[in-house]
Amino acid sequence: MKQKIPLYVQPGARKTEFAGYFDGKMKIKLKAPAQENKANQELIDFLAQRLAISKSQLAIIQGLTGRHKVVAIDSVLSFADINDAIIRP
């Protein structure tokens, strides 16, 4: 089942981490710069690690070049489980 998760990302941060909420979306700080798709790749890596799923189960379906993104997650995880996994330190 696919879940769609709206995110706000901030590239060029000191470290990659969950950073609260912005504009009603989870905010993810990314260490990678917003150049040559590096931040998008780091976002996928971060989410795959937090959710313990394969990177191939994740896709950015909106916002490839912006900070407001929607990520599709092809997993049996519920929205609440996904939320909890991303938020945990």
C-alpha atoms as a PDB file:
ATOM      1  CA  MET A   1       0.000   0.000   0.000  1.00  0.00           C
ATOM      2  CA  LYS A   2       1.346   3.446  -0.866  1.00  0.00           C
ATOM      3  CA  GLN A   3       1.361   6.237   1.656  1.00  0.00           C
ATOM      4  CA  LYS A   4       1.986   9.834   0.595  1.00  0.00           C
ATOM      5  CA  ILE A   5       3.896  11.937   3.102  1.00  0.00           C
ATOM      6  CA  PRO A   6       4.184  15.728   2.710  1.00  0.00           C
ATOM      7  CA  LEU A   7       7.551  17.072   3.866  1.00  0.00           C
ATOM      8  CA  TYR A   8       9.401  20.362   4.083  1.00  0.00           C
ATOM      9  CA  VAL A   9      13.153  19.996   3.596  1.00  0.00           C
ATOM     10  CA  GLN A  10      16.000  22.347   4.438  1.00  0.00           C
ATOM     11  CA  PRO A  11      19.184  21.487   2.519  1.00  0.00           C
ATOM     12  CA  GLY A  12      22.634  22.654   3.614  1.00  0.00           C
ATOM     13  CA  ALA A  13      22.070  22.078   7.354  1.00  0.00           C
ATOM     14  CA  ARG A  14      24.746  21.019   9.858  1.00  0.00           C
ATOM     15  CA  LYS A  15      23.353  17.500  10.001  1.00  0.00           C
ATOM     16  CA  THR A  16      20.517  15.423   8.606  1.00  0.00           C
ATOM     17  CA  GLU A  17      17.664  15.101  11.088  1.00  0.00           C
ATOM     18  CA  PHE A  18      13.966  15.496  11.806  1.00  0.00           C
ATOM     19  CA  ALA A  19      13.512  19.125  12.864  1.00  0.00           C
ATOM     20  CA  GLY A  20       9.909  19.539  13.973  1.00  0.00           C
ATOM     21  CA  TYR A  21       7.147  20.903  11.786  1.00  0.00           C
ATOM     22  CA  PHE A  22       6.856  23.719   9.270  1.00  0.00           C
ATOM     23  CA  ASP A  23       3.689  24.804   7.495  1.00  0.00           C
ATOM     24  CA  GLY A  24       1.846  21.699   8.747  1.00  0.00           C
ATOM     25  CA  LYS A  25       4.457  19.289   7.367  1.00  0.00           C
ATOM     26  CA  MET A  26       7.289  17.340   8.945  1.00  0.00           C
ATOM     27  CA  LYS A  27      10.520  19.296   8.524  1.00  0.00           C
ATOM     28  CA  ILE A  28      13.683  17.400   7.619  1.00  0.00           C
ATOM     29  CA  LYS A  29      17.066  19.136   7.728  1.00  0.00           C
ATOM     30  CA  LEU A  30      19.527  17.742   5.190  1.00  0.00           C
ATOM     31  CA  LYS A  31      23.295  18.138   5.329  1.00  0.00           C
ATOM     32  CA  ALA A  32      23.594  17.791   1.547  1.00  0.00           C
ATOM     33  CA  PRO A  33      23.373  20.926  -0.597  1.00  0.00           C
ATOM     34  CA  ALA A  34      20.507  21.495  -3.009  1.00  0.00           C
ATOM     35  CA  GLN A  35      22.740  20.829  -6.013  1.00  0.00           C
ATOM     36  CA  GLU A  36      22.832  18.023  -8.554  1.00  0.00           C
ATOM     37  CA  ASN A  37      20.043  16.085  -6.799  1.00  0.00           C
ATOM     38  CA  LYS A  38      22.241  15.532  -3.705  1.00  0.00           C
ATOM     39  CA  ALA A  39      19.615  16.721  -1.215  1.00  0.00           C
ATOM     40  CA  ASN A  40      16.904  14.548  -2.783  1.00  0.00           C
ATOM     41  CA  GLN A  41      19.160  11.499  -2.625  1.00  0.00           C
ATOM     42  CA  GLU A  42      20.030  12.214   1.004  1.00  0.00           C
ATOM     43  CA  LEU A  43      16.319  12.557   1.814  1.00  0.00           C
ATOM     44  CA  ILE A  44      15.630   9.119   0.296  1.00  0.00           C
ATOM     45  CA  ASP A  45      18.619   7.640   2.188  1.00  0.00           C
ATOM     46  CA  PHE A  46      17.443   9.188   5.479  1.00  0.00           C
ATOM     47  CA  LEU A  47      13.856   7.974   5.081  1.00  0.00           C
ATOM     48  CA  ALA A  48      14.910   4.466   4.028  1.00  0.00           C
ATOM     49  CA  GLN A  49      17.146   4.191   7.095  1.00  0.00           C
ATOM     50  CA  ARG A  50      14.508   5.546   9.498  1.00  0.00           C
ATOM     51  CA  LEU A  51      11.739   3.364   8.066  1.00  0.00           C
ATOM     52  CA  ALA A  52      13.966   0.277   7.664  1.00  0.00           C
ATOM     53  CA  ILE A  53      12.873  -0.189   4.060  1.00  0.00           C
ATOM     54  CA  SER A  54      14.611  -0.298   0.700  1.00  0.00           C
ATOM     55  CA  LYS A  55      15.321   2.955  -1.130  1.00  0.00           C
ATOM     56  CA  SER A  56      13.423   1.500  -4.092  1.00  0.00           C
ATOM     57  CA  GLN A  57      10.249   1.665  -1.973  1.00  0.00           C
ATOM     58  CA  LEU A  58      10.499   5.467  -1.823  1.00  0.00           C
ATOM     59  CA  ALA A  59       9.878   8.059  -4.520  1.00  0.00           C
ATOM     60  CA  ILE A  60       9.652  11.840  -4.500  1.00  0.00           C
ATOM     61  CA  ILE A  61       6.455  12.426  -6.463  1.00  0.00           C
ATOM     62  CA  GLN A  62       6.179  16.197  -6.016  1.00  0.00           C
ATOM     63  CA  GLY A  63       8.723  18.918  -5.364  1.00  0.00           C
ATOM     64  CA  LEU A  64      11.864  17.550  -6.993  1.00  0.00           C
ATOM     65  CA  THR A  65      13.306  21.068  -7.250  1.00  0.00           C
ATOM     66  CA  GLY A  66      11.649  22.725  -4.248  1.00  0.00           C
ATOM     67  CA  ARG A  67      11.597  22.489  -0.481  1.00  0.00           C
ATOM     68  CA  HIS A  68       7.980  21.326  -0.263  1.00  0.00           C
ATOM     69  CA  LYS A  69       7.947  17.659  -1.260  1.00  0.00           C
ATOM     70  CA  VAL A  70       5.592  14.691  -1.301  1.00  0.00           C
ATOM     71  CA  VAL A  71       7.195  11.283  -0.896  1.00  0.00           C
ATOM     72  CA  ALA A  72       5.387   8.072  -1.832  1.00  0.00           C
ATOM     73  CA  ILE A  73       6.207   5.129   0.418  1.00  0.00           C
ATOM     74  CA  ASP A  74       5.396   1.645  -0.877  1.00  0.00           C
ATOM     75  CA  SER A  75       5.175  -0.261   2.384  1.00  0.00           C
ATOM     76  CA  VAL A  76       2.762  -2.020   4.723  1.00  0.00           C
ATOM     77  CA  LEU A  77       3.535   0.609   7.377  1.00  0.00           C
ATOM     78  CA  SER A  78       0.608   2.770   8.468  1.00  0.00           C
ATOM     79  CA  PHE A  79       0.767   6.553   8.333  1.00  0.00           C
ATOM     80  CA  ALA A  80       1.152   6.619  12.143  1.00  0.00           C
ATOM     81  CA  ASP A  81       4.021   4.093  12.027  1.00  0.00           C
ATOM     82  CA  ILE A  82       5.770   6.130   9.333  1.00  0.00           C
ATOM     83  CA  ASN A  83       5.316   9.311  11.349  1.00  0.00           C
ATOM     84  CA  ASP A  84       6.693   7.705  14.514  1.00  0.00           C
ATOM     85  CA  ALA A  85       9.719   6.240  12.706  1.00  0.00           C
ATOM     86  CA  ILE A  86      10.673   9.583  11.156  1.00  0.00           C
ATOM     87  CA  ILE A  87      10.223  11.545  14.386  1.00  0.00           C
ATOM     88  CA  ARG A  88      12.202   9.228  16.677  1.00  0.00           C
ATOM     89  CA  PRO A  89      15.757  10.398  17.430  1.00  0.00           C
END
